[in-house]
């Protein structure tokens, strides 16, 4: 499955990933500085949510493209694609 996203969708996902990247860098710095465990875990949870949101946005876009892809409907690969998308969703659960 190819990743084909509109410019605005792509921008949103990239921004979420950059936010997560910054949060992860912050977590590393906090650990190196010996910061409070609760603060570290809170920041780590925020990074995890940002990654999850980016992943779900990518999967949702893929799902949207698959459902509207005439070639997919014509070729009869819907069940295979459904299974692949389900596996992707579950990988983020």
N, C-alpha and C. Protein backbone atom coordinates (compact mmCIF):
# COMPACT_ATOMS: atom_id res chain seq x y z
N UNK A 1 0.85 -1.17 0.00
CA UNK A 1 0.00 0.00 0.00
C UNK A 1 0.90 1.23 0.00
N UNK A 2 0.71 2.08 -0.96
CA UNK A 2 1.51 3.28 -1.12
C UNK A 2 0.96 4.40 -0.24
N UNK A 3 1.85 5.23 0.30
CA UNK A 3 1.41 6.37 1.11
C UNK A 3 1.20 7.56 0.20
N UNK A 4 -0.06 7.85 -0.08
CA UNK A 4 -0.42 8.99 -0.91
C UNK A 4 -1.32 9.90 -0.09
N UNK A 5 -0.80 11.08 0.23
CA UNK A 5 -1.56 11.99 1.07
C UNK A 5 -1.62 13.37 0.42
N UNK A 6 -2.73 14.05 0.65
CA UNK A 6 -2.86 15.43 0.18
C UNK A 6 -1.89 16.29 0.98
N UNK A 7 -1.53 17.43 0.43
CA UNK A 7 -0.54 18.31 1.05
C UNK A 7 -0.93 18.68 2.48
N UNK A 8 -2.18 19.00 2.72
CA UNK A 8 -2.62 19.40 4.06
C UNK A 8 -2.56 18.22 5.03
N UNK A 9 -2.96 17.04 4.57
CA UNK A 9 -2.88 15.84 5.42
C UNK A 9 -1.43 15.55 5.77
N UNK A 10 -0.57 15.65 4.78
CA UNK A 10 0.85 15.39 4.97
C UNK A 10 1.44 16.38 5.98
N UNK A 11 1.09 17.64 5.84
CA UNK A 11 1.59 18.68 6.75
C UNK A 11 1.18 18.38 8.18
N UNK A 12 -0.07 17.98 8.38
CA UNK A 12 -0.57 17.67 9.72
C UNK A 12 0.20 16.50 10.33
N UNK A 13 0.39 15.45 9.56
CA UNK A 13 1.11 14.27 10.06
C UNK A 13 2.56 14.62 10.38
N UNK A 14 3.20 15.33 9.49
CA UNK A 14 4.61 15.70 9.72
C UNK A 14 4.73 16.58 10.96
N UNK A 15 3.79 17.50 11.15
CA UNK A 15 3.83 18.34 12.35
C UNK A 15 3.68 17.51 13.62
N UNK A 16 2.79 16.53 13.59
CA UNK A 16 2.62 15.65 14.75
C UNK A 16 3.89 14.86 15.03
N UNK A 17 4.52 14.38 13.98
CA UNK A 17 5.75 13.62 14.15
C UNK A 17 6.88 14.50 14.67
N UNK A 18 6.95 15.73 14.20
CA UNK A 18 7.98 16.66 14.70
C UNK A 18 7.73 16.99 16.18
N UNK A 19 6.46 17.14 16.54
CA UNK A 19 6.11 17.39 17.94
C UNK A 19 6.58 16.21 18.80
N UNK A 20 6.30 15.01 18.34
CA UNK A 20 6.72 13.82 19.07
C UNK A 20 8.24 13.75 19.17
N UNK A 21 8.90 14.10 18.09
CA UNK A 21 10.37 14.09 18.08
C UNK A 21 10.92 15.04 19.14
N UNK A 22 10.33 16.23 19.23
CA UNK A 22 10.75 17.20 20.24
C UNK A 22 10.46 16.70 21.65
N UNK A 23 9.31 16.06 21.81
CA UNK A 23 8.95 15.53 23.13
C UNK A 23 9.89 14.41 23.54
N UNK A 24 10.26 13.57 22.60
CA UNK A 24 11.18 12.47 22.92
C UNK A 24 12.56 13.02 23.27
N UNK A 25 13.00 14.04 22.54
CA UNK A 25 14.28 14.69 22.89
C UNK A 25 14.20 15.27 24.30
N UNK A 26 13.04 15.84 24.63
CA UNK A 26 12.84 16.37 25.97
C UNK A 26 12.89 15.29 27.03
N UNK A 27 12.31 14.15 26.74
CA UNK A 27 12.32 13.02 27.68
C UNK A 27 13.76 12.57 27.92
N UNK A 28 14.52 12.45 26.87
CA UNK A 28 15.93 12.03 27.01
C UNK A 28 16.69 13.02 27.88
N UNK A 29 16.50 14.30 27.63
CA UNK A 29 17.17 15.34 28.41
C UNK A 29 16.74 15.27 29.88
N UNK A 30 15.44 15.06 30.10
CA UNK A 30 14.93 14.97 31.47
C UNK A 30 15.56 13.80 32.22
N UNK A 31 15.70 12.67 31.54
CA UNK A 31 16.30 11.49 32.16
C UNK A 31 17.77 11.76 32.48
N UNK A 32 18.46 12.36 31.51
CA UNK A 32 19.89 12.67 31.72
C UNK A 32 20.09 13.64 32.88
N UNK A 33 19.12 14.53 33.08
CA UNK A 33 19.21 15.51 34.17
C UNK A 33 18.69 14.98 35.50
N UNK A 34 18.16 13.76 35.49
CA UNK A 34 17.66 13.16 36.72
C UNK A 34 16.36 13.79 37.20
N UNK A 35 15.52 14.22 36.26
CA UNK A 35 14.26 14.87 36.62
C UNK A 35 13.29 13.90 37.25
N UNK A 36 12.26 14.46 37.85
CA UNK A 36 11.22 13.71 38.55
C UNK A 36 10.59 12.67 37.64
N UNK A 37 10.39 11.47 38.16
CA UNK A 37 9.83 10.35 37.40
C UNK A 37 8.46 10.68 36.83
N UNK A 38 7.61 11.31 37.62
CA UNK A 38 6.26 11.65 37.16
C UNK A 38 6.30 12.61 35.97
N UNK A 39 7.21 13.57 36.01
CA UNK A 39 7.35 14.51 34.89
C UNK A 39 7.82 13.79 33.63
N UNK A 40 8.76 12.87 33.80
CA UNK A 40 9.29 12.12 32.66
C UNK A 40 8.19 11.27 32.03
N UNK A 41 7.44 10.57 32.85
CA UNK A 41 6.38 9.70 32.34
C UNK A 41 5.28 10.54 31.66
N UNK A 42 4.95 11.68 32.22
CA UNK A 42 3.95 12.56 31.61
C UNK A 42 4.40 13.01 30.22
N UNK A 43 5.65 13.39 30.10
CA UNK A 43 6.18 13.83 28.81
C UNK A 43 6.25 12.66 27.83
N UNK A 44 6.60 11.49 28.32
CA UNK A 44 6.66 10.30 27.48
C UNK A 44 5.27 9.92 26.97
N UNK A 45 4.27 10.04 27.82
CA UNK A 45 2.89 9.76 27.42
C UNK A 45 2.44 10.73 26.33
N UNK A 46 2.83 11.99 26.44
CA UNK A 46 2.47 12.98 25.42
C UNK A 46 3.11 12.62 24.08
N UNK A 47 4.35 12.19 24.11
CA UNK A 47 5.02 11.77 22.88
C UNK A 47 4.33 10.56 22.27
N UNK A 48 3.93 9.64 23.11
CA UNK A 48 3.24 8.44 22.64
C UNK A 48 1.92 8.80 21.97
N UNK A 49 1.17 9.71 22.57
CA UNK A 49 -0.11 10.14 21.97
C UNK A 49 0.12 10.82 20.63
N UNK A 50 1.16 11.63 20.53
CA UNK A 50 1.46 12.31 19.27
C UNK A 50 1.78 11.29 18.18
N UNK A 51 2.54 10.27 18.52
CA UNK A 51 2.87 9.21 17.55
C UNK A 51 1.62 8.44 17.15
N UNK A 52 0.77 8.12 18.13
CA UNK A 52 -0.47 7.40 17.84
C UNK A 52 -1.36 8.21 16.89
N UNK A 53 -1.50 9.50 17.15
CA UNK A 53 -2.35 10.34 16.31
C UNK A 53 -1.81 10.40 14.88
N UNK A 54 -0.50 10.49 14.74
CA UNK A 54 0.10 10.49 13.41
C UNK A 54 -0.16 9.16 12.71
N UNK A 55 0.00 8.07 13.42
CA UNK A 55 -0.24 6.74 12.85
C UNK A 55 -1.68 6.56 12.42
N UNK A 56 -2.62 6.98 13.27
CA UNK A 56 -4.03 6.86 12.92
C UNK A 56 -4.38 7.73 11.72
N UNK A 57 -3.78 8.91 11.64
CA UNK A 57 -4.04 9.79 10.49
C UNK A 57 -3.55 9.14 9.19
N UNK A 58 -2.41 8.51 9.25
CA UNK A 58 -1.87 7.82 8.07
C UNK A 58 -2.77 6.65 7.68
N UNK A 59 -3.20 5.87 8.66
CA UNK A 59 -4.06 4.72 8.37
C UNK A 59 -5.41 5.18 7.84
N UNK A 60 -5.98 6.23 8.45
CA UNK A 60 -7.28 6.73 7.99
C UNK A 60 -7.20 7.22 6.55
N UNK A 61 -6.11 7.88 6.21
CA UNK A 61 -5.92 8.34 4.84
C UNK A 61 -5.80 7.15 3.90
N UNK A 62 -5.06 6.14 4.32
CA UNK A 62 -4.94 4.93 3.51
C UNK A 62 -6.28 4.25 3.32
N UNK A 63 -7.06 4.20 4.37
CA UNK A 63 -8.39 3.60 4.30
C UNK A 63 -9.28 4.37 3.33
N UNK A 64 -9.24 5.67 3.43
CA UNK A 64 -10.04 6.50 2.54
C UNK A 64 -9.66 6.27 1.07
N UNK A 65 -8.36 6.20 0.81
CA UNK A 65 -7.91 5.96 -0.57
C UNK A 65 -8.28 4.57 -1.05
N UNK A 66 -8.20 3.59 -0.17
CA UNK A 66 -8.53 2.21 -0.55
C UNK A 66 -10.02 2.07 -0.87
N UNK A 67 -10.86 2.74 -0.10
CA UNK A 67 -12.29 2.63 -0.30
C UNK A 67 -12.75 3.32 -1.59
N UNK A 68 -11.98 4.28 -2.05
CA UNK A 68 -12.36 5.00 -3.26
C UNK A 68 -11.57 4.56 -4.48
N UNK A 69 -10.67 3.61 -4.30
CA UNK A 69 -9.83 3.14 -5.40
C UNK A 69 -10.62 2.15 -6.26
N UNK A 70 -10.95 2.56 -7.48
CA UNK A 70 -11.73 1.71 -8.38
C UNK A 70 -10.98 0.44 -8.77
N UNK A 71 -9.66 0.55 -8.89
CA UNK A 71 -8.87 -0.63 -9.24
C UNK A 71 -8.97 -1.69 -8.15
N UNK A 72 -9.00 -1.23 -6.90
CA UNK A 72 -9.11 -2.17 -5.78
C UNK A 72 -10.45 -2.90 -5.85
N UNK A 73 -11.51 -2.17 -6.10
CA UNK A 73 -12.84 -2.77 -6.18
C UNK A 73 -12.93 -3.74 -7.35
N UNK A 74 -12.34 -3.37 -8.47
CA UNK A 74 -12.40 -4.20 -9.66
C UNK A 74 -11.58 -5.48 -9.51
N UNK A 75 -10.47 -5.38 -8.78
CA UNK A 75 -9.58 -6.53 -8.70
C UNK A 75 -10.02 -7.55 -7.65
N UNK A 76 -10.96 -7.17 -6.81
CA UNK A 76 -11.44 -8.11 -5.80
C UNK A 76 -10.51 -8.27 -4.61
N UNK A 77 -9.60 -7.33 -4.42
CA UNK A 77 -8.64 -7.41 -3.31
C UNK A 77 -9.13 -6.73 -2.04
N UNK A 78 -10.40 -6.41 -1.96
CA UNK A 78 -10.92 -5.69 -0.80
C UNK A 78 -10.69 -6.44 0.51
N UNK A 79 -10.90 -7.74 0.51
CA UNK A 79 -10.74 -8.52 1.73
C UNK A 79 -9.28 -8.51 2.19
N UNK A 80 -8.38 -8.64 1.25
CA UNK A 80 -6.95 -8.60 1.59
C UNK A 80 -6.58 -7.23 2.14
N UNK A 81 -7.09 -6.17 1.52
CA UNK A 81 -6.80 -4.82 2.00
C UNK A 81 -7.41 -4.59 3.37
N UNK A 82 -8.61 -5.09 3.59
CA UNK A 82 -9.26 -4.96 4.89
C UNK A 82 -8.42 -5.61 5.98
N UNK A 83 -7.90 -6.78 5.68
CA UNK A 83 -7.07 -7.50 6.65
C UNK A 83 -5.78 -6.72 6.94
N UNK A 84 -5.18 -6.15 5.91
CA UNK A 84 -3.96 -5.37 6.10
C UNK A 84 -4.22 -4.12 6.94
N UNK A 85 -5.33 -3.43 6.67
CA UNK A 85 -5.66 -2.22 7.43
C UNK A 85 -6.00 -2.57 8.88
N UNK A 86 -6.70 -3.69 9.07
CA UNK A 86 -7.01 -4.12 10.44
C UNK A 86 -5.73 -4.39 11.22
N UNK A 87 -4.79 -5.04 10.57
CA UNK A 87 -3.50 -5.33 11.21
C UNK A 87 -2.78 -4.03 11.58
N UNK A 88 -2.85 -3.03 10.68
CA UNK A 88 -2.21 -1.75 10.98
C UNK A 88 -2.87 -1.06 12.17
N UNK A 89 -4.20 -1.06 12.20
CA UNK A 89 -4.90 -0.46 13.35
C UNK A 89 -4.49 -1.15 14.64
N UNK A 90 -4.47 -2.45 14.63
CA UNK A 90 -4.14 -3.22 15.83
C UNK A 90 -2.69 -2.99 16.27
N UNK A 91 -1.81 -2.69 15.32
CA UNK A 91 -0.42 -2.43 15.68
C UNK A 91 -0.28 -1.16 16.50
N UNK A 92 -1.26 -0.25 16.40
CA UNK A 92 -1.22 0.98 17.18
C UNK A 92 -2.00 0.87 18.49
N UNK A 93 -2.72 -0.24 18.65
CA UNK A 93 -3.55 -0.38 19.87
C UNK A 93 -2.70 -0.72 21.07
